[in-house]
PDB file of N, CA and C in Angstrom:
ATOM      1  N   MET A   1     108.267 246.829 195.885  1.00  0.00           N
ATOM      2  CA  MET A   1     109.041 247.165 194.794  1.00  0.00           C
ATOM      3  C   MET A   1     108.904 245.806 193.991  1.00  0.00           C
ATOM      4  N   SER A   2     108.813 245.463 192.763  1.00  0.00           N
ATOM      5  CA  SER A   2     109.581 244.264 192.211  1.00  0.00           C
ATOM      6  C   SER A   2     110.450 243.998 191.825  1.00  0.00           C
ATOM      7  N   THR A   3     110.798 242.541 191.951  1.00  0.00           N
ATOM      8  CA  THR A   3     112.458 242.955 191.455  1.00  0.00           C
ATOM      9  C   THR A   3     112.236 241.926 189.848  1.00  0.00           C
ATOM     10  N   THR A   4     111.255 241.700 189.646  1.00  0.00           N
ATOM     11  CA  THR A   4     110.917 241.141 188.141  1.00  0.00           C
ATOM     12  C   THR A   4     111.473 242.273 186.595  1.00  0.00           C
ATOM     13  N   PRO A   5     112.673 241.444 186.334  1.00  0.00           N
ATOM     14  CA  PRO A   5     112.966 242.659 185.038  1.00  0.00           C
ATOM     15  C   PRO A   5     111.912 242.595 184.187  1.00  0.00           C
ATOM     16  N   VAL A   6     112.267 244.212 183.305  1.00  0.00           N
ATOM     17  CA  VAL A   6     111.057 244.331 182.438  1.00  0.00           C
ATOM     18  C   VAL A   6     111.628 244.099 181.400  1.00  0.00           C
ATOM     19  N   LEU A   7     110.940 243.676 180.023  1.00  0.00           N
ATOM     20  CA  LEU A   7     111.743 243.153 179.225  1.00  0.00           C
ATOM     21  C   LEU A   7     111.359 244.527 178.055  1.00  0.00           C
ATOM     22  N   GLU A   8     112.405 245.210 177.319  1.00  0.00           N
ATOM     23  CA  GLU A   8     111.645 245.925 175.910  1.00  0.00           C
ATOM     24  C   GLU A   8     110.859 245.069 174.702  1.00  0.00           C
ATOM     25  N   VAL A   9     109.809 245.828 174.814  1.00  0.00           N
ATOM     26  CA  VAL A   9     108.302 245.218 173.416  1.00  0.00           C
ATOM     27  C   VAL A   9     109.454 245.421 172.239  1.00  0.00           C
ATOM     28  N   THR A  10     109.333 244.274 171.748  1.00  0.00           N
ATOM     29  CA  THR A  10     109.888 244.919 170.207  1.00  0.00           C
ATOM     30  C   THR A  10     108.912 244.630 169.317  1.00  0.00           C
ATOM     31  N   PRO A  11     109.056 245.904 168.252  1.00  0.00           N
ATOM     32  CA  PRO A  11     108.377 245.854 166.598  1.00  0.00           C
ATOM     33  C   PRO A  11     108.058 243.803 166.555  1.00  0.00           C
ATOM     34  N   ARG A  12     106.887 243.358 166.201  1.00  0.00           N
ATOM     35  CA  ARG A  12     106.873 241.885 165.716  1.00  0.00           C
ATOM     36  C   ARG A  12     107.209 241.855 164.025  1.00  0.00           C
ATOM     37  N   ARG A  13     107.699 240.879 164.187  1.00  0.00           N
ATOM     38  CA  ARG A  13     108.205 240.349 162.785  1.00  0.00           C
ATOM     39  C   ARG A  13     107.679 239.365 162.299  1.00  0.00           C
ATOM     40  N   SER A  14     107.462 239.555 160.646  1.00  0.00           N
ATOM     41  CA  SER A  14     106.904 237.967 159.819  1.00  0.00           C
ATOM     42  C   SER A  14     107.289 237.167 160.481  1.00  0.00           C
ATOM     43  N   VAL A  15     106.558 236.086 160.479  1.00  0.00           N
ATOM     44  CA  VAL A  15     107.093 234.783 160.276  1.00  0.00           C
ATOM     45  C   VAL A  15     108.672 234.487 159.337  1.00  0.00           C
ATOM     46  N   HIS A  16     108.118 235.248 158.172  1.00  0.00           N
ATOM     47  CA  HIS A  16     109.148 234.483 157.187  1.00  0.00           C
ATOM     48  C   HIS A  16     110.588 235.909 157.025  1.00  0.00           C
ATOM     49  N   ALA A  17     110.247 236.996 157.682  1.00  0.00           N
ATOM     50  CA  ALA A  17     111.450 237.686 158.468  1.00  0.00           C
ATOM     51  C   ALA A  17     111.882 237.110 159.106  1.00  0.00           C
ATOM     52  N   ALA A  18     111.662 236.590 160.120  1.00  0.00           N
ATOM     53  CA  ALA A  18     112.070 235.927 161.398  1.00  0.00           C
ATOM     54  C   ALA A  18     112.731 234.616 160.996  1.00  0.00           C
ATOM     55  N   ALA A  19     112.672 233.709 160.370  1.00  0.00           N
ATOM     56  CA  ALA A  19     113.114 232.528 159.874  1.00  0.00           C
ATOM     57  C   ALA A  19     114.199 233.446 159.174  1.00  0.00           C
ATOM     58  N   ARG A  20     114.403 234.035 158.197  1.00  0.00           N
ATOM     59  CA  ARG A  20     115.397 234.884 157.884  1.00  0.00           C
ATOM     60  C   ARG A  20     116.496 235.207 158.562  1.00  0.00           C
ATOM     61  N   ILE A  21     116.113 235.892 159.336  1.00  0.00           N
ATOM     62  CA  ILE A  21     117.429 236.296 160.476  1.00  0.00           C
ATOM     63  C   ILE A  21     117.500 234.846 161.066  1.00  0.00           C
ATOM     64  N   ALA A  22     116.435 234.419 161.835  1.00  0.00           N
ATOM     65  CA  ALA A  22     117.459 233.496 162.314  1.00  0.00           C
ATOM     66  C   ALA A  22     118.179 231.996 161.726  1.00  0.00           C
ATOM     67  N   VAL A  23     117.780 231.575 160.459  1.00  0.00           N
ATOM     68  CA  VAL A  23     118.829 230.851 159.392  1.00  0.00           C
ATOM     69  C   VAL A  23     119.993 231.590 158.529  1.00  0.00           C
ATOM     70  N   GLY A  24     120.020 233.144 158.820  1.00  0.00           N
ATOM     71  CA  GLY A  24     120.972 233.408 158.438  1.00  0.00           C
ATOM     72  C   GLY A  24     121.145 234.025 156.848  1.00  0.00           C
ATOM     73  N   LEU A  25     120.653 233.543 156.454  1.00  0.00           N
ATOM     74  CA  LEU A  25     120.565 233.407 154.479  1.00  0.00           C
ATOM     75  C   LEU A  25     119.573 234.630 154.613  1.00  0.00           C
ATOM     76  N   PRO A  26     120.522 235.077 152.918  1.00  0.00           N
ATOM     77  CA  PRO A  26     119.613 236.558 152.486  1.00  0.00           C
ATOM     78  C   PRO A  26     118.902 235.814 152.086  1.00  0.00           C
ATOM     79  N   HIS A  27     117.816 237.030 152.094  1.00  0.00           N
ATOM     80  CA  HIS A  27     116.230 236.720 151.455  1.00  0.00           C
ATOM     81  C   HIS A  27     116.002 235.860 150.346  1.00  0.00           C
ATOM     82  N   SER A  28     117.744 236.481 148.871  1.00  0.00           N
ATOM     83  CA  SER A  28     116.766 235.278 148.383  1.00  0.00           C
ATOM     84  C   SER A  28     116.719 233.912 147.827  1.00  0.00           C
ATOM     85  N   ALA A  29     117.949 233.577 148.971  1.00  0.00           N
ATOM     86  CA  ALA A  29     118.341 232.352 149.550  1.00  0.00           C
ATOM     87  C   ALA A  29     117.052 231.613 149.658  1.00  0.00           C
ATOM     88  N   LEU A  30     116.840 232.107 150.964  1.00  0.00           N
ATOM     89  CA  LEU A  30     115.219 231.744 151.612  1.00  0.00           C
ATOM     90  C   LEU A  30     114.183 231.392 150.410  1.00  0.00           C
ATOM     91  N   ASP A  31     113.647 232.825 150.218  1.00  0.00           N
ATOM     92  CA  ASP A  31     113.052 232.196 148.266  1.00  0.00           C
ATOM     93  C   ASP A  31     112.956 231.000 147.997  1.00  0.00           C
ATOM     94  N   ALA A  32     114.669 230.875 147.593  1.00  0.00           N
ATOM     95  CA  ALA A  32     114.382 230.109 146.379  1.00  0.00           C
ATOM     96  C   ALA A  32     114.485 228.572 146.694  1.00  0.00           C
ATOM     97  N   MET A  33     114.565 228.647 148.746  1.00  0.00           N
ATOM     98  CA  MET A  33     114.106 227.468 149.248  1.00  0.00           C
ATOM     99  C   MET A  33     113.260 227.093 149.101  1.00  0.00           C
ATOM    100  N   LEU A  34     111.879 228.293 149.508  1.00  0.00           N
ATOM    101  CA  LEU A  34     110.140 227.984 149.611  1.00  0.00           C
ATOM    102  C   LEU A  34     110.266 227.629 148.555  1.00  0.00           C
ATOM    103  N   ASP A  35     110.216 228.280 147.148  1.00  0.00           N
ATOM    104  CA  ASP A  35     110.416 227.530 146.004  1.00  0.00           C
ATOM    105  C   ASP A  35     110.518 226.279 145.836  1.00  0.00           C
ATOM    106  N   ALA A  36     111.747 225.588 145.961  1.00  0.00           N
ATOM    107  CA  ALA A  36     112.187 224.183 145.720  1.00  0.00           C
ATOM    108  C   ALA A  36     111.366 223.313 146.664  1.00  0.00           C
ATOM    109  N   THR A  37     110.928 223.762 147.691  1.00  0.00           N
ATOM    110  CA  THR A  37     110.246 222.854 149.154  1.00  0.00           C
ATOM    111  C   THR A  37     108.858 222.433 147.888  1.00  0.00           C
ATOM    112  N   TYR A  38     108.072 223.843 147.781  1.00  0.00           N
ATOM    113  CA  TYR A  38     106.510 224.119 146.815  1.00  0.00           C
ATOM    114  C   TYR A  38     106.689 223.213 146.008  1.00  0.00           C
ATOM    115  N   GLU A  39     107.506 223.374 144.596  1.00  0.00           N
ATOM    116  CA  GLU A  39     107.723 222.186 143.468  1.00  0.00           C
ATOM    117  C   GLU A  39     107.608 221.166 143.678  1.00  0.00           C
ATOM    118  N   THR A  40     108.615 220.082 144.453  1.00  0.00           N
ATOM    119  CA  THR A  40     108.960 218.883 145.197  1.00  0.00           C
ATOM    120  C   THR A  40     107.480 218.955 145.492  1.00  0.00           C
ATOM    121  N   HIS A  41     107.261 219.613 146.789  1.00  0.00           N
ATOM    122  CA  HIS A  41     105.934 218.822 147.220  1.00  0.00           C
ATOM    123  C   HIS A  41     104.552 218.719 146.274  1.00  0.00           C
ATOM    124  N   ARG A  42     104.938 219.193 145.346  1.00  0.00           N
ATOM    125  CA  ARG A  42     103.647 219.381 144.318  1.00  0.00           C
ATOM    126  C   ARG A  42     104.009 218.802 143.022  1.00  0.00           C
ATOM    127  N   ARG A  43     104.747 218.522 142.992  1.00  0.00           N
ATOM    128  CA  ARG A  43     105.562 217.292 141.354  1.00  0.00           C
ATOM    129  C   ARG A  43     104.906 216.088 142.074  1.00  0.00           C
ATOM    130  N   PHE A  44     105.412 215.667 143.228  1.00  0.00           N
ATOM    131  CA  PHE A  44     105.518 214.573 144.226  1.00  0.00           C
ATOM    132  C   PHE A  44     103.751 214.154 144.697  1.00  0.00           C
ATOM    133  N   ARG A  45     102.833 215.161 144.637  1.00  0.00           N
ATOM    134  CA  ARG A  45     101.949 215.357 145.249  1.00  0.00           C
ATOM    135  C   ARG A  45     101.665 214.827 146.867  1.00  0.00           C
ATOM    136  N   HIS A  46     102.457 215.898 147.636  1.00  0.00           N
ATOM    137  CA  HIS A  46     102.411 215.008 148.429  1.00  0.00           C
ATOM    138  C   HIS A  46     102.253 216.049 149.530  1.00  0.00           C
ATOM    139  N   GLY A  47     101.455 216.281 150.910  1.00  0.00           N
ATOM    140  CA  GLY A  47     100.436 216.723 151.614  1.00  0.00           C
ATOM    141  C   GLY A  47      99.337 217.429 150.884  1.00  0.00           C
ATOM    142  N   ALA A  48      98.905 218.809 150.953  1.00  0.00           N
ATOM    143  CA  ALA A  48      98.040 219.334 150.622  1.00  0.00           C
ATOM    144  C   ALA A  48      98.105 219.230 148.891  1.00  0.00           C
ATOM    145  N   PHE A  49      98.971 219.069 148.441  1.00  0.00           N
ATOM    146  CA  PHE A  49      98.792 219.230 147.264  1.00  0.00           C
ATOM    147  C   PHE A  49      98.366 217.790 146.219  1.00  0.00           C
ATOM    148  N   ALA A  50      98.072 217.099 147.142  1.00  0.00           N
ATOM    149  CA  ALA A  50      97.370 215.678 146.805  1.00  0.00           C
ATOM    150  C   ALA A  50      96.232 215.894 146.291  1.00  0.00           C
ATOM    151  N   GLU A  51      95.509 217.194 146.978  1.00  0.00           N
ATOM    152  CA  GLU A  51      93.891 216.914 146.833  1.00  0.00           C
ATOM    153  C   GLU A  51      94.013 218.806 145.675  1.00  0.00           C
ATOM    154  N   PRO A  52      92.448 218.802 145.478  1.00  0.00           N
ATOM    155  CA  PRO A  52      92.060 219.985 144.411  1.00  0.00           C
ATOM    156  C   PRO A  52      92.413 220.874 145.280  1.00  0.00           C
ATOM    157  N   CYS A  53      91.954 222.123 144.855  1.00  0.00           N
ATOM    158  CA  CYS A  53      91.999 223.776 145.927  1.00  0.00           C
ATOM    159  C   CYS A  53      90.724 223.958 145.943  1.00  0.00           C
ATOM    160  N   PRO A  54      89.862 224.288 146.957  1.00  0.00           N
ATOM    161  CA  PRO A  54      88.107 224.540 146.450  1.00  0.00           C
ATOM    162  C   PRO A  54      88.115 226.173 146.341  1.00  0.00           C
ATOM    163  N   THR A  55      89.292 226.485 146.411  1.00  0.00           N
ATOM    164  CA  THR A  55      89.152 228.346 147.361  1.00  0.00           C
ATOM    165  C   THR A  55      89.938 228.312 145.767  1.00  0.00           C
ATOM    166  N   CYS A  56      90.709 228.065 145.014  1.00  0.00           N
ATOM    167  CA  CYS A  56      91.111 229.041 143.979  1.00  0.00           C
ATOM    168  C   CYS A  56      90.944 227.794 142.848  1.00  0.00           C
ATOM    169  N   HIS A  57      90.441 226.863 142.934  1.00  0.00           N
ATOM    170  CA  HIS A  57      90.032 226.006 141.757  1.00  0.00           C
ATOM    171  C   HIS A  57      90.959 225.000 140.841  1.00  0.00           C
ATOM    172  N   VAL A  58      91.852 224.774 141.571  1.00  0.00           N
ATOM    173  CA  VAL A  58      93.167 224.234 140.461  1.00  0.00           C
ATOM    174  C   VAL A  58      93.197 222.791 141.127  1.00  0.00           C
ATOM    175  N   ALA A  59      93.753 222.347 139.941  1.00  0.00           N
ATOM    176  CA  ALA A  59      93.811 220.468 140.231  1.00  0.00           C
ATOM    177  C   ALA A  59      95.294 220.453 141.746  1.00  0.00           C
ATOM    178  N   ALA A  60      94.570 219.015 141.820  1.00  0.00           N
ATOM    179  CA  ALA A  60      95.339 218.140 142.547  1.00  0.00           C
ATOM    180  C   ALA A  60      96.590 217.734 141.485  1.00  0.00           C
ATOM    181  N   GLY A  61      98.342 218.376 142.769  1.00  0.00           N
ATOM    182  CA  GLY A  61      99.447 218.441 142.205  1.00  0.00           C
ATOM    183  C   GLY A  61      99.840 219.812 141.477  1.00  0.00           C
ATOM    184  N   GLU A  62      98.727 220.889 141.411  1.00  0.00           N
ATOM    185  CA  GLU A  62      99.370 222.293 141.094  1.00  0.00           C
ATOM    186  C   GLU A  62      98.946 222.885 142.190  1.00  0.00           C
ATOM    187  N   LEU A  63      99.981 224.049 142.121  1.00  0.00           N
ATOM    188  CA  LEU A  63     100.278 225.293 143.055  1.00  0.00           C
ATOM    189  C   LEU A  63      98.822 226.552 143.134  1.00  0.00           C
ATOM    190  N   CYS A  64      99.179 226.750 144.472  1.00  0.00           N
ATOM    191  CA  CYS A  64      97.838 227.510 144.757  1.00  0.00           C
ATOM    192  C   CYS A  64      97.990 228.662 143.995  1.00  0.00           C
ATOM    193  N   LEU A  65      97.123 229.374 143.346  1.00  0.00           N
ATOM    194  CA  LEU A  65      97.042 231.081 142.711  1.00  0.00           C
ATOM    195  C   LEU A  65      97.759 232.277 143.763  1.00  0.00           C
ATOM    196  N   ALA A  66      97.244 231.707 144.664  1.00  0.00           N
ATOM    197  CA  ALA A  66      98.337 232.765 146.062  1.00  0.00           C
ATOM    198  C   ALA A  66      99.495 232.751 145.859  1.00  0.00           C
ATOM    199  N   ARG A  67     100.403 233.073 145.913  1.00  0.00           N
ATOM    200  CA  ARG A  67     101.696 232.813 145.686  1.00  0.00           C
ATOM    201  C   ARG A  67     102.638 232.357 146.822  1.00  0.00           C
ATOM    202  N   ARG A  68     103.166 230.523 147.097  1.00  0.00           N
ATOM    203  CA  ARG A  68     103.962 230.287 148.190  1.00  0.00           C
ATOM    204  C   ARG A  68     103.099 230.012 149.418  1.00  0.00           C
ATOM    205  N   SER A  69     101.727 230.138 149.492  1.00  0.00           N
ATOM    206  CA  SER A  69     100.833 229.906 150.111  1.00  0.00           C
ATOM    207  C   SER A  69      99.506 228.431 149.488  1.00  0.00           C
ATOM    208  N   VAL A  70      99.708 227.853 150.816  1.00  0.00           N
ATOM    209  CA  VAL A  70      99.017 226.701 150.351  1.00  0.00           C
ATOM    210  C   VAL A  70      97.115 227.452 150.969  1.00  0.00           C
ATOM    211  N   HIS A  71      95.913 227.580 150.461  1.00  0.00           N
ATOM    212  CA  HIS A  71      94.943 227.743 150.825  1.00  0.00           C
ATOM    213  C   HIS A  71      94.622 227.249 152.316  1.00  0.00           C
ATOM    214  N   ALA A  72      93.923 227.677 152.979  1.00  0.00           N
ATOM    215  CA  ALA A  72      93.055 226.931 154.359  1.00  0.00           C
ATOM    216  C   ALA A  72      92.576 226.025 154.137  1.00  0.00           C
ATOM    217  N   ALA A  73      91.291 225.955 153.083  1.00  0.00           N
ATOM    218  CA  ALA A  73      90.947 224.857 153.169  1.00  0.00           C
ATOM    219  C   ALA A  73      91.040 223.844 152.213  1.00  0.00           C
ATOM    220  N   ARG A  74      92.219 223.925 151.247  1.00  0.00           N
ATOM    221  CA  ARG A  74      93.186 222.653 150.777  1.00  0.00           C
ATOM    222  C   ARG A  74      93.461 222.027 152.143  1.00  0.00           C
ATOM    223  N   ARG A  75      94.523 222.384 152.860  1.00  0.00           N
ATOM    224  CA  ARG A  75      95.504 222.201 153.904  1.00  0.00           C
ATOM    225  C   ARG A  75      93.513 221.295 154.746  1.00  0.00           C
ATOM    226  N   LEU A  76      92.621 222.276 155.101  1.00  0.00           N
ATOM    227  CA  LEU A  76      91.895 221.457 155.799  1.00  0.00           C
ATOM    228  C   LEU A  76      91.089 220.236 154.989  1.00  0.00           C
ATOM    229  N   ALA A  77      90.799 219.689 153.589  1.00  0.00           N
ATOM    230  CA  ALA A  77      90.707 218.689 153.342  1.00  0.00           C
ATOM    231  C   ALA A  77      91.600 217.652 152.806  1.00  0.00           C
ATOM    232  N   HIS A  78      92.838 218.074 153.113  1.00  0.00           N
ATOM    233  CA  HIS A  78      93.804 216.898 153.161  1.00  0.00           C
ATOM    234  C   HIS A  78      93.665 216.713 154.605  1.00  0.00           C
ATOM    235  N   ARG A  79      93.635 217.569 155.396  1.00  0.00           N
ATOM    236  CA  ARG A  79      93.363 216.429 157.055  1.00  0.00           C
ATOM    237  C   ARG A  79      91.874 215.761 156.982  1.00  0.00           C
ATOM    238  N   ALA A  80      91.073 216.168 156.484  1.00  0.00           N
ATOM    239  CA  ALA A  80      89.530 215.505 156.700  1.00  0.00           C
ATOM    240  C   ALA A  80      90.197 214.077 155.742  1.00  0.00           C
ATOM    241  N   ARG A  81      90.907 214.128 154.431  1.00  0.00           N
ATOM    242  CA  ARG A  81      91.313 212.697 154.068  1.00  0.00           C
ATOM    243  C   ARG A  81      92.244 211.992 154.559  1.00  0.00           C
ATOM    244  N   GLU A  82      93.075 212.311 155.599  1.00  0.00           N
ATOM    245  CA  GLU A  82      93.869 211.354 156.327  1.00  0.00           C
ATOM    246  C   GLU A  82      93.154 211.009 157.427  1.00  0.00           C
ATOM    247  N   THR A  83      92.701 211.174 158.248  1.00  0.00           N
ATOM    248  CA  THR A  83      91.490 211.024 158.769  1.00  0.00           C
ATOM    249  C   THR A  83      90.541 210.389 158.100  1.00  0.00           C
ATOM    250  N   GLN A  84      90.041 210.225 157.680  1.00  0.00           N
ATOM    251  CA  GLN A  84      89.261 209.069 157.465  1.00  0.00           C
ATOM    252  C   GLN A  84      89.666 207.888 156.676  1.00  0.00           C
ATOM    253  N   SER A  85      90.512 208.160 156.319  1.00  0.00           N
ATOM    254  CA  SER A  85      91.071 206.982 155.309  1.00  0.00           C
ATOM    255  C   SER A  85      92.353 206.145 156.861  1.00  0.00           C
ATOM    256  N   GLY A  86      92.619 207.180 157.848  1.00  0.00           N
ATOM    257  CA  GLY A  86      93.403 206.421 158.925  1.00  0.00           C
ATOM    258  C   GLY A  86      94.563 206.237 158.616  1.00  0.00           C
ATOM    259  N   ARG A  87      94.671 207.136 157.863  1.00  0.00           N
ATOM    260  CA  ARG A  87      96.456 207.376 157.307  1.00  0.00           C
ATOM    261  C   ARG A  87      97.159 208.292 157.977  1.00  0.00           C
ATOM    262  N   GLY A  88      96.647 208.666 159.281  1.00  0.00           N
ATOM    263  CA  GLY A  88      97.391 210.065 159.673  1.00  0.00           C
ATOM    264  C   GLY A  88      98.634 210.090 160.685  1.00  0.00           C
ATOM    265  N   PHE A  89      98.918 208.585 160.601  1.00  0.00           N
ATOM    266  CA  PHE A  89     100.271 208.251 161.238  1.00  0.00           C
ATOM    267  C   PHE A  89     100.939 207.552 160.299  1.00  0.00           C
ATOM    268  N   PRO A  90     101.963 207.038 159.882  1.00  0.00           N
ATOM    269  CA  PRO A  90     103.117 206.710 159.533  1.00  0.00           C
ATOM    270  C   PRO A  90     102.467 204.717 159.632  1.00  0.00           C
ATOM    271  N   PRO A  91     102.649 203.704 158.601  1.00  0.00           N
ATOM    272  CA  PRO A  91     102.290 202.648 159.264  1.00  0.00           C
ATOM    273  C   PRO A  91     102.402 201.777 160.724  1.00  0.00           C
ATOM    274  N   PHE A  92     103.923 202.118 160.905  1.00  0.00           N
ATOM    275  CA  PHE A  92     104.302 201.218 161.436  1.00  0.00           C
ATOM    276  C   PHE A  92     104.155 202.018 163.248  1.00  0.00           C
ATOM    277  N   THR A  93     104.147 203.328 163.393  1.00  0.00           N
ATOM    278  CA  THR A  93     103.434 203.556 164.166  1.00  0.00           C
ATOM    279  C   THR A  93     101.601 203.470 164.785  1.00  0.00           C
ATOM    280  N   ALA A  94     101.118 203.089 163.718  1.00  0.00           N
ATOM    281  CA  ALA A  94      99.887 202.920 163.721  1.00  0.00           C
ATOM    282  C   ALA A  94      98.895 202.116 164.577  1.00  0.00           C
ATOM    283  N   ARG A  95     100.022 201.110 164.978  1.00  0.00           N
ATOM    284  CA  ARG A  95      99.624 199.320 166.129  1.00  0.00           C
ATOM    285  C   ARG A  95      99.598 199.886 166.614  1.00  0.00           C
TER     286      ARG A  95
END
């Protein structure tokens, strides 16, 4: 007989629900934080927002038409551009 404890299987939660529970914020506060983060990235064209979206055809610096998500094709285009330009790391760590 094994002495290994058996863990109960719990139903899976979405990442959004798990983050809300872990942080202890009400749903509306977490939504506001996500909206503010995406708006800041969009406004200053950080990360994937520096690229036009090939999926929903919005220009660089605009939010994707899917609410609160960045299409995978847009993220891949950003990663490809970063790899080609050699800017994958901050300048002080690249040397």
